[in-house]
Amino acid sequence: MLNKLKRITTYLLLLALVVGYSSCKTDNTSDAKPVVEKPRVKVPKFNGDVAYEYTEKQLSFGHRIPGTPEHKATKDWYVEKLKAAGAEVQVQEFKASFLGLKDKESYNIIASFNPNHSHRIMLAAHWDSRLIAEKDEDKSMQDKPIMGADDGATGTAILLHLAEVIQKNPIDLGVDIVLFDAEDQGDSGDNMTWCLGSQYWGNNPHTPNYKAKFGILLDMVGSKDAQFGYENYSLVNAGNELKKIWKLAQGMGYSDFFQDYNGFRVMDDHFHVMEKRGFPMVDIINMPKDVASGDTSFGHYHHTHKDNIDIVSKRTLKVVGQVVTAVIYKESDGSF
């Protein structure tokens, strides 16, 4: 009987210790703040027809060659559109020398939404058009400037309309839209003669010590039957963001555009942003894959006079614009 009583006493004592420990543990964490997830936002619709209209509008000014009146008029229109969309706009002036021309007036245009927000994403495109058409089949036309409908105007058109989407659908995120100038004026044998605007901005960002969580560059994003593979600088330096964008796009039903294959390295504006500012940036760029050889290249119209409005597709503009819209709104609520 005595032994049984001891066992009962011991059991009750252990039970009391366990209960006491649990109570103390609960008390110690009673002041901890619960993790609160942001409510999921509805991704707004992106209108490909509007982006097409803005592509046409850019071409209506003429060739966008730095230092020309047509170039300056286009710049003024960009600034007007971005300010009308409610962005805080800065114009960064610099001189560019290229293809035998010296010190031509050039302009990077930066439009910021929620400029005081610490969580920032950068979206970019180049807006100039090339001075020469060295790949054109007609040799007599190779020294003539091209319209640059896809190579410059489509990426810019998407971002102009995206600014309007943000205005109508406020976002809990800092978004910087950067239109780089003097990107497409380089010599084929010298990588550093390309992307003069992003090189300048990288050394002189519009905000001191500027950083974004990541960036997206749009280059040649509006042609019919475009194919977006993994640009190699993006894959190596921004692979996590690239794979997430492609997975999202494919989940949205756009696997015919966003395809899983490795492309080549492109000396594009994103390279200088990553090198000089130190954050990852993904280049969405048309680089079709040849079925027979497996090789990738630029579109057949690249640096020729075929790069006009005839090759631009409203559906491609819609797809790319909708994917980028989804990325930034999902990033804003933490679901990207």
C-alpha atoms as a PDB file:
ATOM      1  CA  MET A   1       0.000   0.000   0.000  1.00  0.00           C
ATOM      2  CA  LEU A   2       2.825   2.349   0.935  1.00  0.00           C
ATOM      3  CA  ASN A   3       4.671   1.618  -2.324  1.00  0.00           C
ATOM      4  CA  LYS A   4       1.497   2.235  -4.341  1.00  0.00           C
ATOM      5  CA  LEU A   5       1.010   5.576  -2.540  1.00  0.00           C
ATOM      6  CA  LYS A   6       4.599   6.554  -3.382  1.00  0.00           C
ATOM      7  CA  ARG A   7       4.059   5.704  -7.022  1.00  0.00           C
ATOM      8  CA  ILE A   8       0.878   7.813  -7.131  1.00  0.00           C
ATOM      9  CA  THR A   9       2.643  10.705  -5.414  1.00  0.00           C
ATOM     10  CA  THR A  10       5.559  10.498  -7.857  1.00  0.00           C
ATOM     11  CA  TYR A  11       3.181  10.414 -10.832  1.00  0.00           C
ATOM     12  CA  LEU A  12       1.278  13.462  -9.592  1.00  0.00           C
ATOM     13  CA  LEU A  13       4.524  15.322  -9.016  1.00  0.00           C
ATOM     14  CA  LEU A  14       5.737  14.615 -12.557  1.00  0.00           C
ATOM     15  CA  LEU A  15       2.370  15.635 -13.957  1.00  0.00           C
ATOM     16  CA  ALA A  16       2.524  18.912 -12.085  1.00  0.00           C
ATOM     17  CA  LEU A  17       6.024  19.580 -13.419  1.00  0.00           C
ATOM     18  CA  VAL A  18       4.905  18.944 -17.008  1.00  0.00           C
ATOM     19  CA  VAL A  19       1.872  21.199 -16.647  1.00  0.00           C
ATOM     20  CA  GLY A  20       3.987  23.879 -15.006  1.00  0.00           C
ATOM     21  CA  TYR A  21       6.609  23.709 -17.763  1.00  0.00           C
ATOM     22  CA  SER A  22       3.937  23.955 -20.446  1.00  0.00           C
ATOM     23  CA  SER A  23       2.396  26.955 -18.702  1.00  0.00           C
ATOM     24  CA  CYS A  24       5.749  28.671 -18.409  1.00  0.00           C
ATOM     25  CA  LYS A  25       6.489  27.953 -22.091  1.00  0.00           C
ATOM     26  CA  THR A  26       3.154  29.416 -23.106  1.00  0.00           C
ATOM     27  CA  ASP A  27       3.707  32.472 -20.956  1.00  0.00           C
ATOM     28  CA  ASN A  28       7.168  33.071 -22.472  1.00  0.00           C
ATOM     29  CA  THR A  29       5.757  33.287 -25.982  1.00  0.00           C
ATOM     30  CA  SER A  30       2.555  35.146 -25.195  1.00  0.00           C
ATOM     31  CA  ASP A  31       4.055  38.446 -26.358  1.00  0.00           C
ATOM     32  CA  ALA A  32       5.324  37.108 -29.696  1.00  0.00           C
ATOM     33  CA  LYS A  33       3.806  38.820 -32.718  1.00  0.00           C
ATOM     34  CA  PRO A  34       1.867  36.482 -35.001  1.00  0.00           C
ATOM     35  CA  VAL A  35       2.966  36.239 -38.603  1.00  0.00           C
ATOM     36  CA  VAL A  36       0.385  38.044 -40.705  1.00  0.00           C
ATOM     37  CA  GLU A  37       0.324  37.299 -44.418  1.00  0.00           C
ATOM     38  CA  LYS A  38      -0.653  40.044 -46.828  1.00  0.00           C
ATOM     39  CA  PRO A  39      -3.996  39.486 -48.520  1.00  0.00           C
ATOM     40  CA  ARG A  40      -3.628  38.286 -52.078  1.00  0.00           C
ATOM     41  CA  VAL A  41      -4.137  41.036 -54.649  1.00  0.00           C
ATOM     42  CA  LYS A  42      -6.048  40.692 -57.886  1.00  0.00           C
ATOM     43  CA  VAL A  43      -3.708  40.972 -60.864  1.00  0.00           C
ATOM     44  CA  PRO A  44      -5.040  43.700 -63.198  1.00  0.00           C
ATOM     45  CA  LYS A  45      -5.605  43.132 -66.883  1.00  0.00           C
ATOM     46  CA  PHE A  46      -3.009  44.323 -69.393  1.00  0.00           C
ATOM     47  CA  ASN A  47      -4.330  45.545 -72.741  1.00  0.00           C
ATOM     48  CA  GLY A  48      -2.262  44.456 -75.754  1.00  0.00           C
ATOM     49  CA  ASP A  49      -4.214  46.779 -78.046  1.00  0.00           C
ATOM     50  CA  VAL A  50      -3.032  49.808 -76.074  1.00  0.00           C
ATOM     51  CA  ALA A  51       0.580  48.596 -76.180  1.00  0.00           C
ATOM     52  CA  TYR A  52       0.246  48.169 -79.951  1.00  0.00           C
ATOM     53  CA  GLU A  53      -1.116  51.705 -80.249  1.00  0.00           C
ATOM     54  CA  TYR A  54       1.858  53.028 -78.276  1.00  0.00           C
ATOM     55  CA  THR A  55       4.238  51.107 -80.539  1.00  0.00           C
ATOM     56  CA  GLU A  56       2.674  52.748 -83.591  1.00  0.00           C
ATOM     57  CA  LYS A  57       2.837  56.150 -81.930  1.00  0.00           C
ATOM     58  CA  GLN A  58       6.581  55.860 -81.375  1.00  0.00           C
ATOM     59  CA  LEU A  59       7.141  54.975 -85.015  1.00  0.00           C
ATOM     60  CA  SER A  60       5.093  57.982 -86.083  1.00  0.00           C
ATOM     61  CA  PHE A  61       7.803  60.304 -84.744  1.00  0.00           C
ATOM     62  CA  GLY A  62      10.362  58.796 -87.128  1.00  0.00           C
ATOM     63  CA  HIS A  63      13.734  57.219 -86.384  1.00  0.00           C
ATOM     64  CA  ARG A  64      14.768  57.507 -82.733  1.00  0.00           C
ATOM     65  CA  ILE A  65      18.446  58.244 -83.287  1.00  0.00           C
ATOM     66  CA  PRO A  66      20.129  60.171 -80.447  1.00  0.00           C
ATOM     67  CA  GLY A  67      20.803  63.780 -81.383  1.00  0.00           C
ATOM     68  CA  THR A  68      17.935  64.136 -83.873  1.00  0.00           C
ATOM     69  CA  PRO A  69      14.743  66.214 -83.575  1.00  0.00           C
ATOM     70  CA  GLU A  70      12.639  63.052 -83.979  1.00  0.00           C
ATOM     71  CA  HIS A  71      14.449  61.475 -81.045  1.00  0.00           C
ATOM     72  CA  LYS A  72      13.858  64.501 -78.815  1.00  0.00           C
ATOM     73  CA  ALA A  73      10.179  64.674 -79.762  1.00  0.00           C
ATOM     74  CA  THR A  74       9.736  61.022 -78.821  1.00  0.00           C
ATOM     75  CA  LYS A  75      11.464  61.656 -75.495  1.00  0.00           C
ATOM     76  CA  ASP A  76       9.092  64.512 -74.721  1.00  0.00           C
ATOM     77  CA  TRP A  77       6.107  62.262 -75.439  1.00  0.00           C
ATOM     78  CA  TYR A  78       7.410  59.562 -73.083  1.00  0.00           C
ATOM     79  CA  VAL A  79       7.811  62.097 -70.293  1.00  0.00           C
ATOM     80  CA  GLU A  80       4.320  63.459 -70.884  1.00  0.00           C
ATOM     81  CA  LYS A  81       2.776  59.959 -70.823  1.00  0.00           C
ATOM     82  CA  LEU A  82       4.590  58.864 -67.683  1.00  0.00           C
ATOM     83  CA  LYS A  83       3.765  62.034 -65.790  1.00  0.00           C
ATOM     84  CA  ALA A  84       0.119  61.679 -66.829  1.00  0.00           C
ATOM     85  CA  ALA A  85       0.210  58.176 -65.316  1.00  0.00           C
ATOM     86  CA  GLY A  86       1.144  59.658 -61.944  1.00  0.00           C
ATOM     87  CA  ALA A  87       4.810  58.717 -61.891  1.00  0.00           C
ATOM     88  CA  GLU A  88       7.619  60.812 -60.465  1.00  0.00           C
ATOM     89  CA  VAL A  89       9.708  61.352 -63.615  1.00  0.00           C
ATOM     90  CA  GLN A  90      13.383  62.195 -64.003  1.00  0.00           C
ATOM     91  CA  VAL A  91      15.262  62.741 -67.256  1.00  0.00           C
ATOM     92  CA  GLN A  92      18.952  61.914 -67.145  1.00  0.00           C
ATOM     93  CA  GLU A  93      20.888  63.677 -69.906  1.00  0.00           C
ATOM     94  CA  PHE A  94      24.236  62.401 -71.207  1.00  0.00           C
ATOM     95  CA  LYS A  95      26.356  62.512 -74.361  1.00  0.00           C
ATOM     96  CA  ALA A  96      26.771  59.425 -76.521  1.00  0.00           C
ATOM     97  CA  SER A  97      29.309  58.821 -79.288  1.00  0.00           C
ATOM     98  CA  PHE A  98      28.637  55.952 -81.692  1.00  0.00           C
ATOM     99  CA  LEU A  99      29.132  54.751 -85.280  1.00  0.00           C
ATOM    100  CA  GLY A 100      31.189  57.806 -86.219  1.00  0.00           C
ATOM    101  CA  LEU A 101      28.908  60.342 -84.494  1.00  0.00           C
ATOM    102  CA  LYS A 102      30.210  62.332 -81.539  1.00  0.00           C
ATOM    103  CA  ASP A 103      28.573  63.627 -78.346  1.00  0.00           C
ATOM    104  CA  LYS A 104      24.943  63.240 -79.329  1.00  0.00           C
ATOM    105  CA  GLU A 105      22.276  64.310 -76.831  1.00  0.00           C
ATOM    106  CA  SER A 106      20.860  61.220 -75.158  1.00  0.00           C
ATOM    107  CA  TYR A 107      18.324  60.696 -72.393  1.00  0.00           C
ATOM    108  CA  ASN A 108      17.579  58.012 -69.852  1.00  0.00           C
ATOM    109  CA  ILE A 109      14.022  58.410 -68.550  1.00  0.00           C
ATOM    110  CA  ILE A 110      13.135  57.167 -65.064  1.00  0.00           C
ATOM    111  CA  ALA A 111       9.549  56.948 -63.822  1.00  0.00           C
ATOM    112  CA  SER A 112       9.079  55.981 -60.175  1.00  0.00           C
ATOM    113  CA  PHE A 113       5.958  54.801 -58.373  1.00  0.00           C
ATOM    114  CA  ASN A 114       5.929  54.884 -54.559  1.00  0.00           C
ATOM    115  CA  PRO A 115       9.417  56.432 -54.513  1.00  0.00           C
ATOM    116  CA  ASN A 116       9.736  56.128 -50.717  1.00  0.00           C
ATOM    117  CA  HIS A 117       8.888  52.424 -50.596  1.00  0.00           C
ATOM    118  CA  SER A 118      11.923  50.347 -49.536  1.00  0.00           C
ATOM    119  CA  HIS A 119      10.774  47.251 -51.451  1.00  0.00           C
ATOM    120  CA  ARG A 120      11.580  48.063 -55.082  1.00  0.00           C
ATOM    121  CA  ILE A 121      11.461  46.357 -58.475  1.00  0.00           C
ATOM    122  CA  MET A 122      13.047  47.780 -61.624  1.00  0.00           C
ATOM    123  CA  LEU A 123      11.495  47.384 -65.088  1.00  0.00           C
ATOM    124  CA  ALA A 124      13.459  48.541 -68.124  1.00  0.00           C
ATOM    125  CA  ALA A 125      13.636  48.720 -71.908  1.00  0.00           C
ATOM    126  CA  HIS A 126      15.694  50.675 -74.420  1.00  0.00           C
ATOM    127  CA  TRP A 127      13.922  53.216 -76.603  1.00  0.00           C
ATOM    128  CA  ASP A 128      16.385  54.263 -79.303  1.00  0.00           C
ATOM    129  CA  SER A 129      16.347  52.776 -82.822  1.00  0.00           C
ATOM    130  CA  ARG A 130      19.456  51.730 -84.723  1.00  0.00           C
ATOM    131  CA  LEU A 131      21.325  54.094 -87.032  1.00  0.00           C
ATOM    132  CA  ILE A 132      22.182  51.395 -89.568  1.00  0.00           C
ATOM    133  CA  ALA A 133      20.677  48.137 -90.897  1.00  0.00           C
ATOM    134  CA  GLU A 134      23.855  46.113 -91.376  1.00  0.00           C
ATOM    135  CA  LYS A 135      21.968  42.794 -91.644  1.00  0.00           C
ATOM    136  CA  ASP A 136      19.565  43.896 -94.369  1.00  0.00           C
ATOM    137  CA  GLU A 137      19.550  41.746 -97.506  1.00  0.00           C
ATOM    138  CA  ASP A 138      19.548  44.894 -99.639  1.00  0.00           C
ATOM    139  CA  LYS A 139      23.088  46.193 -99.331  1.00  0.00           C
ATOM    140  CA  SER A 140      22.025  49.624-100.603  1.00  0.00           C
ATOM    141  CA  MET A 141      19.853  49.946 -97.489  1.00  0.00           C
ATOM    142  CA  GLN A 142      22.394  48.784 -94.929  1.00  0.00           C
ATOM    143  CA  ASP A 143      23.583  52.297 -94.078  1.00  0.00           C
ATOM    144  CA  LYS A 144      20.019  53.582 -93.517  1.00  0.00           C
ATOM    145  CA  PRO A 145      18.373  53.838 -90.073  1.00  0.00           C
ATOM    146  CA  ILE A 146      15.694  51.323 -89.123  1.00  0.00           C
ATOM    147  CA  MET A 147      12.339  51.960 -87.474  1.00  0.00           C
ATOM    148  CA  GLY A 148      13.045  49.616 -84.570  1.00  0.00           C
ATOM    149  CA  ALA A 149       9.438  48.553 -84.060  1.00  0.00           C
ATOM    150  CA  ASP A 150      10.336  45.487 -82.018  1.00  0.00           C
ATOM    151  CA  ASP A 151      13.922  46.393 -81.191  1.00  0.00           C
ATOM    152  CA  GLY A 152      13.082  49.158 -78.793  1.00  0.00           C
ATOM    153  CA  ALA A 153       9.525  50.334 -79.328  1.00  0.00           C
ATOM    154  CA  THR A 154       7.593  47.257 -78.120  1.00  0.00           C
ATOM    155  CA  GLY A 155       9.338  46.999 -74.756  1.00  0.00           C
ATOM    156  CA  THR A 156       8.868  50.699 -74.182  1.00  0.00           C
ATOM    157  CA  ALA A 157       5.198  50.514 -75.217  1.00  0.00           C
ATOM    158  CA  ILE A 158       4.532  47.743 -72.699  1.00  0.00           C
ATOM    159  CA  LEU A 159       6.093  49.764 -69.886  1.00  0.00           C
ATOM    160  CA  LEU A 160       4.187  52.915 -70.829  1.00  0.00           C
ATOM    161  CA  HIS A 161       0.898  51.061 -70.580  1.00  0.00           C
ATOM    162  CA  LEU A 162       2.009  49.266 -67.410  1.00  0.00           C
ATOM    163  CA  ALA A 163       2.477  52.703 -65.832  1.00  0.00           C
ATOM    164  CA  GLU A 164      -1.195  53.375 -66.570  1.00  0.00           C
ATOM    165  CA  VAL A 165      -2.163  50.005 -65.085  1.00  0.00           C
ATOM    166  CA  ILE A 166      -0.337  50.899 -61.869  1.00  0.00           C
ATOM    167  CA  GLN A 167      -2.026  54.296 -61.744  1.00  0.00           C
ATOM    168  CA  LYS A 168      -5.477  52.693 -61.937  1.00  0.00           C
ATOM    169  CA  ASN A 169      -4.553  49.823 -59.604  1.00  0.00           C
ATOM    170  CA  PRO A 170      -2.342  51.177 -56.785  1.00  0.00           C
ATOM    171  CA  ILE A 171       0.354  48.739 -55.731  1.00  0.00           C
ATOM    172  CA  ASP A 172       2.113  48.223 -52.380  1.00  0.00           C
ATOM    173  CA  LEU A 173       5.529  48.162 -53.993  1.00  0.00           C
ATOM    174  CA  GLY A 174       8.137  50.574 -55.275  1.00  0.00           C
ATOM    175  CA  VAL A 175       8.356  50.306 -59.054  1.00  0.00           C
ATOM    176  CA  ASP A 176      10.976  52.077 -61.164  1.00  0.00           C
ATOM    177  CA  ILE A 177      10.457  52.110 -64.929  1.00  0.00           C
ATOM    178  CA  VAL A 178      13.726  52.974 -66.683  1.00  0.00           C
ATOM    179  CA  LEU A 179      13.879  53.704 -70.404  1.00  0.00           C
ATOM    180  CA  PHE A 180      17.503  53.463 -71.494  1.00  0.00           C
ATOM    181  CA  ASP A 181      18.810  55.424 -74.451  1.00  0.00           C
ATOM    182  CA  ALA A 182      21.687  54.727 -76.862  1.00  0.00           C
ATOM    183  CA  GLU A 183      21.530  50.960 -76.384  1.00  0.00           C
ATOM    184  CA  ASP A 184      21.408  49.849 -80.006  1.00  0.00           C
ATOM    185  CA  GLN A 185      24.227  51.856 -81.608  1.00  0.00           C
ATOM    186  CA  GLY A 186      27.210  49.571 -81.052  1.00  0.00           C
ATOM    187  CA  ASP A 187      29.921  48.088 -83.250  1.00  0.00           C
ATOM    188  CA  SER A 188      29.742  44.319 -83.707  1.00  0.00           C
ATOM    189  CA  GLY A 189      33.354  43.854 -82.637  1.00  0.00           C
ATOM    190  CA  ASP A 190      33.240  45.884 -79.418  1.00  0.00           C
ATOM    191  CA  ASN A 191      30.808  44.964 -76.640  1.00  0.00           C
ATOM    192  CA  MET A 192      31.409  48.176 -74.719  1.00  0.00           C
ATOM    193  CA  THR A 193      30.028  50.329 -77.551  1.00  0.00           C
ATOM    194  CA  TRP A 194      26.542  48.937 -76.859  1.00  0.00           C
ATOM    195  CA  CYS A 195      24.191  49.856 -74.022  1.00  0.00           C
ATOM    196  CA  LEU A 196      25.630  53.331 -73.465  1.00  0.00           C
ATOM    197  CA  GLY A 197      22.579  54.501 -71.525  1.00  0.00           C
ATOM    198  CA  SER A 198      22.649  51.664 -69.007  1.00  0.00           C
ATOM    199  CA  GLN A 199      26.409  52.020 -68.620  1.00  0.00           C
ATOM    200  CA  TYR A 200      25.909  55.690 -67.796  1.00  0.00           C
ATOM    201  CA  TRP A 201      22.991  55.007 -65.444  1.00  0.00           C
ATOM    202  CA  GLY A 202      24.882  52.200 -63.721  1.00  0.00           C
ATOM    203  CA  ASN A 203      27.628  54.643 -62.783  1.00  0.00           C
ATOM    204  CA  ASN A 204      25.173  57.493 -62.075  1.00  0.00           C
ATOM    205  CA  PRO A 205      21.887  56.010 -60.778  1.00  0.00           C
ATOM    206  CA  HIS A 206      18.936  58.345 -60.389  1.00  0.00           C
ATOM    207  CA  THR A 207      18.977  57.649 -56.641  1.00  0.00           C
ATOM    208  CA  PRO A 208      22.326  57.375 -54.806  1.00  0.00           C
ATOM    209  CA  ASN A 209      23.201  53.747 -53.979  1.00  0.00           C
ATOM    210  CA  TYR A 210      20.079  52.590 -55.807  1.00  0.00           C
ATOM    211  CA  LYS A 211      19.079  48.967 -55.221  1.00  0.00           C
ATOM    212  CA  ALA A 212      16.116  46.892 -56.294  1.00  0.00           C
ATOM    213  CA  LYS A 213      15.225  43.387 -55.190  1.00  0.00           C
ATOM    214  CA  PHE A 214      15.408  42.374 -58.838  1.00  0.00           C
ATOM    215  CA  GLY A 215      14.764  43.782 -62.297  1.00  0.00           C
ATOM    216  CA  ILE A 216      13.246  42.767 -65.616  1.00  0.00           C
ATOM    217  CA  LEU A 217      14.486  44.008 -68.993  1.00  0.00           C
ATOM    218  CA  LEU A 218      12.216  43.873 -72.047  1.00  0.00           C
ATOM    219  CA  ASP A 219      13.960  43.765 -75.427  1.00  0.00           C
ATOM    220  CA  MET A 220      12.301  42.624 -78.660  1.00  0.00           C
ATOM    221  CA  VAL A 221       9.142  41.462 -76.934  1.00  0.00           C
ATOM    222  CA  GLY A 222       6.404  42.099 -79.494  1.00  0.00           C
ATOM    223  CA  SER A 223       7.012  40.133 -82.660  1.00  0.00           C
ATOM    224  CA  LYS A 224       4.758  37.453 -84.066  1.00  0.00           C
ATOM    225  CA  ASP A 225       5.713  33.932 -82.922  1.00  0.00           C
ATOM    226  CA  ALA A 226       8.291  35.240 -80.438  1.00  0.00           C
ATOM    227  CA  GLN A 227      10.175  32.674 -78.359  1.00  0.00           C
ATOM    228  CA  PHE A 228      11.711  33.587 -75.027  1.00  0.00           C
ATOM    229  CA  GLY A 229      14.403  31.170 -73.890  1.00  0.00           C
ATOM    230  CA  TYR A 230      16.885  31.509 -71.027  1.00  0.00           C
ATOM    231  CA  GLU A 231      19.291  34.336 -71.885  1.00  0.00           C
ATOM    232  CA  ASN A 232      22.595  33.170 -70.408  1.00  0.00           C
ATOM    233  CA  TYR A 233      23.666  36.202 -68.351  1.00  0.00           C
ATOM    234  CA  SER A 234      20.188  36.135 -66.787  1.00  0.00           C
ATOM    235  CA  LEU A 235      20.358  32.400 -66.113  1.00  0.00           C
ATOM    236  CA  VAL A 236      23.761  32.621 -64.423  1.00  0.00           C
ATOM    237  CA  ASN A 237      23.177  35.797 -62.400  1.00  0.00           C
ATOM    238  CA  ALA A 238      19.393  35.875 -61.911  1.00  0.00           C
ATOM    239  CA  GLY A 239      18.449  32.234 -62.354  1.00  0.00           C
ATOM    240  CA  ASN A 240      16.050  32.070 -59.421  1.00  0.00           C
ATOM    241  CA  GLU A 241      14.024  35.033 -60.664  1.00  0.00           C
ATOM    242  CA  LEU A 242      14.149  33.804 -64.265  1.00  0.00           C
ATOM    243  CA  LYS A 243      12.821  30.346 -63.417  1.00  0.00           C
ATOM    244  CA  LYS A 244      10.019  31.845 -61.301  1.00  0.00           C
ATOM    245  CA  ILE A 245       8.959  34.174 -64.122  1.00  0.00           C
ATOM    246  CA  TRP A 246       8.940  31.347 -66.671  1.00  0.00           C
ATOM    247  CA  LYS A 247       7.006  29.043 -64.308  1.00  0.00           C
ATOM    248  CA  LEU A 248       4.440  31.777 -63.698  1.00  0.00           C
ATOM    249  CA  ALA A 249       4.096  32.500 -67.427  1.00  0.00           C
ATOM    250  CA  GLN A 250       3.663  28.820 -68.250  1.00  0.00           C
ATOM    251  CA  GLY A 251       1.071  28.487 -65.505  1.00  0.00           C
ATOM    252  CA  MET A 252      -0.820  31.358 -67.130  1.00  0.00           C
ATOM    253  CA  GLY A 253      -0.989  29.391 -70.385  1.00  0.00           C
ATOM    254  CA  TYR A 254       1.888  31.068 -72.201  1.00  0.00           C
ATOM    255  CA  SER A 255       4.285  28.143 -72.637  1.00  0.00           C
ATOM    256  CA  ASP A 256       4.332  28.743 -76.402  1.00  0.00           C
ATOM    257  CA  PHE A 257       6.199  31.990 -75.679  1.00  0.00           C
ATOM    258  CA  PHE A 258       8.132  31.261 -72.460  1.00  0.00           C
ATOM    259  CA  GLN A 259      10.032  28.091 -73.312  1.00  0.00           C
ATOM    260  CA  ASP A 260      12.525  26.038 -71.334  1.00  0.00           C
ATOM    261  CA  TYR A 261      15.730  26.111 -73.365  1.00  0.00           C
ATOM    262  CA  ASN A 262      19.114  27.729 -72.940  1.00  0.00           C
ATOM    263  CA  GLY A 263      19.921  30.680 -75.164  1.00  0.00           C
ATOM    264  CA  PHE A 264      23.150  32.565 -75.672  1.00  0.00           C
ATOM    265  CA  ARG A 265      24.664  35.526 -73.815  1.00  0.00           C
ATOM    266  CA  VAL A 266      23.354  38.922 -74.878  1.00  0.00           C
ATOM    267  CA  MET A 267      25.337  42.062 -74.102  1.00  0.00           C
ATOM    268  CA  ASP A 268      22.221  43.974 -73.125  1.00  0.00           C
ATOM    269  CA  ASP A 269      21.263  46.635 -70.603  1.00  0.00           C
ATOM    270  CA  HIS A 270      20.669  44.085 -67.833  1.00  0.00           C
ATOM    271  CA  PHE A 271      24.357  43.106 -67.885  1.00  0.00           C
ATOM    272  CA  HIS A 272      25.513  46.590 -66.884  1.00  0.00           C
ATOM    273  CA  VAL A 273      22.773  46.938 -64.269  1.00  0.00           C
ATOM    274  CA  MET A 274      23.885  43.704 -62.614  1.00  0.00           C
ATOM    275  CA  GLU A 275      27.572  44.510 -62.930  1.00  0.00           C
ATOM    276  CA  LYS A 276      27.357  48.065 -61.627  1.00  0.00           C
ATOM    277  CA  ARG A 277      24.380  47.992 -59.226  1.00  0.00           C
ATOM    278  CA  GLY A 278      24.663  44.427 -57.956  1.00  0.00           C
ATOM    279  CA  PHE A 279      21.108  43.102 -58.095  1.00  0.00           C
ATOM    280  CA  PRO A 280      19.705  40.336 -60.335  1.00  0.00           C
ATOM    281  CA  MET A 281      17.989  41.245 -63.583  1.00  0.00           C
ATOM    282  CA  VAL A 282      16.243  39.031 -66.129  1.00  0.00           C
ATOM    283  CA  ASP A 283      16.324  39.783 -69.857  1.00  0.00           C
ATOM    284  CA  ILE A 284      13.119  38.753 -71.630  1.00  0.00           C
ATOM    285  CA  ILE A 285      14.295  38.788 -75.230  1.00  0.00           C
ATOM    286  CA  ASN A 286      13.192  37.055 -78.411  1.00  0.00           C
ATOM    287  CA  MET A 287      15.757  34.383 -79.299  1.00  0.00           C
ATOM    288  CA  PRO A 288      14.080  31.733 -81.458  1.00  0.00           C
ATOM    289  CA  LYS A 289      15.424  28.178 -81.345  1.00  0.00           C
ATOM    290  CA  ASP A 290      16.064  26.393 -84.638  1.00  0.00           C
ATOM    291  CA  VAL A 291      14.305  23.035 -84.514  1.00  0.00           C
ATOM    292  CA  ALA A 292      16.851  21.254 -86.696  1.00  0.00           C
ATOM    293  CA  SER A 293      20.116  22.523 -85.205  1.00  0.00           C
ATOM    294  CA  GLY A 294      18.976  23.506 -81.726  1.00  0.00           C
ATOM    295  CA  ASP A 295      20.804  26.833 -82.119  1.00  0.00           C
ATOM    296  CA  THR A 296      19.308  30.109 -80.956  1.00  0.00           C
ATOM    297  CA  SER A 297      19.557  33.488 -82.655  1.00  0.00           C
ATOM    298  CA  PHE A 298      17.773  36.811 -82.858  1.00  0.00           C
ATOM    299  CA  GLY A 299      14.643  37.143 -84.986  1.00  0.00           C
ATOM    300  CA  HIS A 300      14.982  37.229 -88.770  1.00  0.00           C
ATOM    301  CA  TYR A 301      14.153  40.948 -88.772  1.00  0.00           C
ATOM    302  CA  HIS A 302      16.963  41.936 -86.372  1.00  0.00           C
ATOM    303  CA  HIS A 303      18.867  45.018 -87.603  1.00  0.00           C
ATOM    304  CA  THR A 304      17.045  45.027 -90.923  1.00  0.00           C
ATOM    305  CA  HIS A 305      14.299  47.172 -92.403  1.00  0.00           C
ATOM    306  CA  LYS A 306      11.858  44.339 -91.725  1.00  0.00           C
ATOM    307  CA  ASP A 307      11.783  45.587 -88.136  1.00  0.00           C
ATOM    308  CA  ASN A 308       8.630  47.615 -88.732  1.00  0.00           C
ATOM    309  CA  ILE A 309       5.048  47.546 -87.484  1.00  0.00           C
ATOM    310  CA  ASP A 310       4.203  44.577 -89.748  1.00  0.00           C
ATOM    311  CA  ILE A 311       6.064  42.148 -87.485  1.00  0.00           C
ATOM    312  CA  VAL A 312       4.405  43.316 -84.260  1.00  0.00           C
ATOM    313  CA  SER A 313       1.685  41.161 -82.699  1.00  0.00           C
ATOM    314  CA  LYS A 314      -0.971  42.404 -80.294  1.00  0.00           C
ATOM    315  CA  ARG A 315      -1.105  38.955 -78.696  1.00  0.00           C
ATOM    316  CA  THR A 316       2.639  38.914 -77.993  1.00  0.00           C
ATOM    317  CA  LEU A 317       2.392  42.366 -76.425  1.00  0.00           C
ATOM    318  CA  LYS A 318      -0.559  41.186 -74.338  1.00  0.00           C
ATOM    319  CA  VAL A 319       1.271  38.046 -73.163  1.00  0.00           C
ATOM    320  CA  VAL A 320       4.493  39.791 -72.121  1.00  0.00           C
ATOM    321  CA  GLY A 321       2.653  42.712 -70.551  1.00  0.00           C
ATOM    322  CA  GLN A 322       0.354  40.403 -68.593  1.00  0.00           C
ATOM    323  CA  VAL A 323       3.245  38.298 -67.305  1.00  0.00           C
ATOM    324  CA  VAL A 324       5.190  41.352 -66.090  1.00  0.00           C
ATOM    325  CA  THR A 325       2.010  42.734 -64.512  1.00  0.00           C
ATOM    326  CA  ALA A 326       1.471  39.441 -62.687  1.00  0.00           C
ATOM    327  CA  VAL A 327       5.073  39.403 -61.466  1.00  0.00           C
ATOM    328  CA  ILE A 328       4.972  42.822 -59.835  1.00  0.00           C
ATOM    329  CA  TYR A 329       1.527  42.456 -58.251  1.00  0.00           C
ATOM    330  CA  LYS A 330       2.376  39.018 -56.881  1.00  0.00           C
ATOM    331  CA  GLU A 331       5.678  40.390 -55.633  1.00  0.00           C
ATOM    332  CA  SER A 332       3.731  43.121 -53.832  1.00  0.00           C
ATOM    333  CA  ASP A 333       1.695  40.627 -51.798  1.00  0.00           C
ATOM    334  CA  GLY A 334       4.503  38.118 -51.288  1.00  0.00           C
ATOM    335  CA  SER A 335       3.129  35.377 -53.543  1.00  0.00           C
ATOM    336  CA  PHE A 336       5.720  35.591 -56.342  1.00  0.00           C
END
